[in-house]
Amino acid sequence: MEAYPEGLETPRGYFKYAEGMDTRRTYDFMGDNARRFMGLPIANPDPDAVNPPLLQTVS
């Protein structure tokens, strides 16, 4: 089977990965991380969203 850019065999279940995310994480998940990396404007209207999210460590 061919894989899609998201790394999934079928993107139909892609939305399941976003369940339970807050608004900021959802915007990042749906493309703002890639836009930020490429220097493009982000879609999130929240003014604090221009700053990349902080990395979280698992303890």
N, C-alpha and C. Protein backbone atom coordinates (compact mmCIF):
# COMPACT_ATOMS: atom_id res chain seq x y z
N MET A 1 0.82 -1.19 0.00
CA MET A 1 0.00 0.00 0.00
C MET A 1 0.87 1.25 0.00
N GLU A 2 0.36 2.26 -0.60
CA GLU A 2 1.05 3.53 -0.68
C GLU A 2 0.75 4.37 0.56
N ALA A 3 1.76 5.04 1.09
CA ALA A 3 1.56 5.89 2.27
C ALA A 3 1.32 7.34 1.84
N TYR A 4 0.49 8.03 2.57
CA TYR A 4 0.21 9.44 2.32
C TYR A 4 1.26 10.29 3.04
N PRO A 5 1.37 11.59 2.72
CA PRO A 5 2.37 12.44 3.37
C PRO A 5 2.28 12.46 4.89
N GLU A 6 1.11 12.22 5.43
CA GLU A 6 0.95 12.21 6.88
C GLU A 6 1.58 10.97 7.51
N GLY A 7 2.04 10.04 6.68
CA GLY A 7 2.64 8.82 7.19
C GLY A 7 1.62 7.74 7.49
N LEU A 8 0.39 7.96 7.08
CA LEU A 8 -0.67 7.00 7.33
C LEU A 8 -1.03 6.29 6.03
N GLU A 9 -1.40 5.03 6.13
CA GLU A 9 -1.83 4.33 4.92
C GLU A 9 -3.13 4.91 4.39
N THR A 10 -3.98 5.31 5.27
CA THR A 10 -5.24 5.93 4.86
C THR A 10 -5.51 7.13 5.76
N PRO A 11 -5.65 8.31 5.19
CA PRO A 11 -5.85 9.51 6.01
C PRO A 11 -7.26 9.66 6.56
N ARG A 12 -8.13 8.69 6.29
CA ARG A 12 -9.52 8.82 6.76
C ARG A 12 -9.61 8.87 8.28
N GLY A 13 -8.70 8.26 8.98
CA GLY A 13 -8.72 8.27 10.44
C GLY A 13 -7.85 9.36 11.04
N TYR A 14 -7.36 10.25 10.19
CA TYR A 14 -6.44 11.31 10.61
C TYR A 14 -7.02 12.17 11.73
N PHE A 15 -8.32 12.46 11.65
CA PHE A 15 -8.95 13.34 12.64
C PHE A 15 -8.86 12.76 14.05
N LYS A 16 -8.74 11.45 14.19
CA LYS A 16 -8.70 10.83 15.51
C LYS A 16 -7.50 11.30 16.33
N TYR A 17 -6.42 11.66 15.64
CA TYR A 17 -5.23 12.13 16.34
C TYR A 17 -5.45 13.49 16.98
N ALA A 18 -6.45 14.23 16.50
CA ALA A 18 -6.71 15.58 17.01
C ALA A 18 -7.72 15.59 18.16
N GLU A 19 -8.35 14.46 18.42
CA GLU A 19 -9.35 14.42 19.49
C GLU A 19 -8.71 14.76 20.83
N GLY A 20 -9.35 15.65 21.57
CA GLY A 20 -8.88 16.02 22.89
C GLY A 20 -7.82 17.12 22.89
N MET A 21 -7.43 17.62 21.72
CA MET A 21 -6.43 18.69 21.67
C MET A 21 -7.09 20.03 21.95
N ASP A 22 -6.34 20.93 22.59
CA ASP A 22 -6.85 22.28 22.77
C ASP A 22 -6.75 23.02 21.43
N THR A 23 -7.31 24.22 21.37
CA THR A 23 -7.36 24.98 20.13
C THR A 23 -5.98 25.22 19.56
N ARG A 24 -5.04 25.64 20.39
CA ARG A 24 -3.68 25.93 19.92
C ARG A 24 -3.04 24.69 19.31
N ARG A 25 -3.10 23.58 19.99
CA ARG A 25 -2.49 22.34 19.50
C ARG A 25 -3.17 21.88 18.20
N THR A 26 -4.47 22.10 18.08
CA THR A 26 -5.18 21.72 16.86
C THR A 26 -4.69 22.54 15.67
N TYR A 27 -4.54 23.86 15.84
CA TYR A 27 -4.00 24.68 14.76
C TYR A 27 -2.61 24.21 14.36
N ASP A 28 -1.76 23.94 15.34
CA ASP A 28 -0.41 23.47 15.05
C ASP A 28 -0.45 22.14 14.30
N PHE A 29 -1.28 21.24 14.77
CA PHE A 29 -1.43 19.91 14.18
C PHE A 29 -1.92 19.99 12.74
N MET A 30 -2.82 20.92 12.47
CA MET A 30 -3.41 21.01 11.14
C MET A 30 -2.60 21.87 10.17
N GLY A 31 -1.41 22.30 10.54
CA GLY A 31 -0.57 22.97 9.54
C GLY A 31 0.28 24.11 10.02
N ASP A 32 -0.01 24.69 11.17
CA ASP A 32 0.77 25.85 11.59
C ASP A 32 2.23 25.49 11.88
N ASN A 33 2.51 24.28 12.35
CA ASN A 33 3.91 23.90 12.57
C ASN A 33 4.68 23.93 11.26
N ALA A 34 4.10 23.40 10.20
CA ALA A 34 4.75 23.41 8.89
C ALA A 34 4.89 24.83 8.36
N ARG A 35 3.84 25.65 8.52
CA ARG A 35 3.91 27.03 8.06
C ARG A 35 5.01 27.80 8.81
N ARG A 36 5.09 27.60 10.11
CA ARG A 36 6.10 28.27 10.93
C ARG A 36 7.51 27.86 10.47
N PHE A 37 7.70 26.57 10.21
CA PHE A 37 8.99 26.04 9.76
C PHE A 37 9.41 26.64 8.42
N MET A 38 8.44 26.87 7.53
CA MET A 38 8.73 27.41 6.20
C MET A 38 8.72 28.93 6.16
N GLY A 39 8.47 29.58 7.29
CA GLY A 39 8.46 31.03 7.33
C GLY A 39 7.20 31.65 6.73
N LEU A 40 6.13 30.88 6.65
CA LEU A 40 4.86 31.37 6.11
C LEU A 40 3.97 31.86 7.24
N PRO A 41 2.99 32.72 6.93
CA PRO A 41 2.05 33.16 7.96
C PRO A 41 1.26 31.97 8.51
N ILE A 42 0.98 32.01 9.78
CA ILE A 42 0.20 30.94 10.40
C ILE A 42 -1.28 31.28 10.34
N ALA A 43 -2.13 30.27 10.51
CA ALA A 43 -3.57 30.45 10.39
C ALA A 43 -4.24 30.80 11.71
N ASN A 44 -3.60 30.49 12.83
CA ASN A 44 -4.21 30.71 14.15
C ASN A 44 -4.33 32.21 14.41
N PRO A 45 -5.54 32.72 14.68
CA PRO A 45 -5.72 34.15 14.92
C PRO A 45 -5.24 34.63 16.29
N ASP A 46 -4.92 33.73 17.20
CA ASP A 46 -4.45 34.09 18.53
C ASP A 46 -3.07 34.75 18.43
N PRO A 47 -2.89 35.99 18.95
CA PRO A 47 -1.60 36.68 18.83
C PRO A 47 -0.44 35.92 19.49
N ASP A 48 -0.71 35.12 20.51
CA ASP A 48 0.35 34.35 21.16
C ASP A 48 0.82 33.17 20.31
N ALA A 49 0.10 32.84 19.26
CA ALA A 49 0.43 31.68 18.45
C ALA A 49 1.66 31.88 17.58
N VAL A 50 2.13 33.12 17.43
CA VAL A 50 3.33 33.33 16.62
C VAL A 50 4.56 32.72 17.27
N ASN A 51 4.51 32.49 18.56
CA ASN A 51 5.62 31.85 19.26
C ASN A 51 5.46 30.34 19.17
N PRO A 52 6.53 29.63 18.80
CA PRO A 52 6.42 28.16 18.72
C PRO A 52 6.02 27.58 20.07
N PRO A 53 5.32 26.47 20.06
CA PRO A 53 4.93 25.84 21.33
C PRO A 53 6.16 25.35 22.08
N LEU A 54 6.07 25.34 23.39
CA LEU A 54 7.17 24.85 24.21
C LEU A 54 7.21 23.33 24.14
N LEU A 55 8.42 22.81 24.14
CA LEU A 55 8.58 21.36 24.17
C LEU A 55 8.21 20.84 25.54
N GLN A 56 7.54 19.73 25.56
CA GLN A 56 7.17 19.11 26.83
C GLN A 56 8.01 17.86 27.01
N THR A 57 8.51 17.67 28.22
CA THR A 57 9.28 16.47 28.51
C THR A 57 8.42 15.52 29.33
N VAL A 58 8.59 14.27 29.07
CA VAL A 58 7.86 13.25 29.81
C VAL A 58 8.75 12.76 30.94
N SER A 59 8.21 12.80 32.15
CA SER A 59 9.03 12.36 33.28
C SER A 59 8.59 11.03 33.81
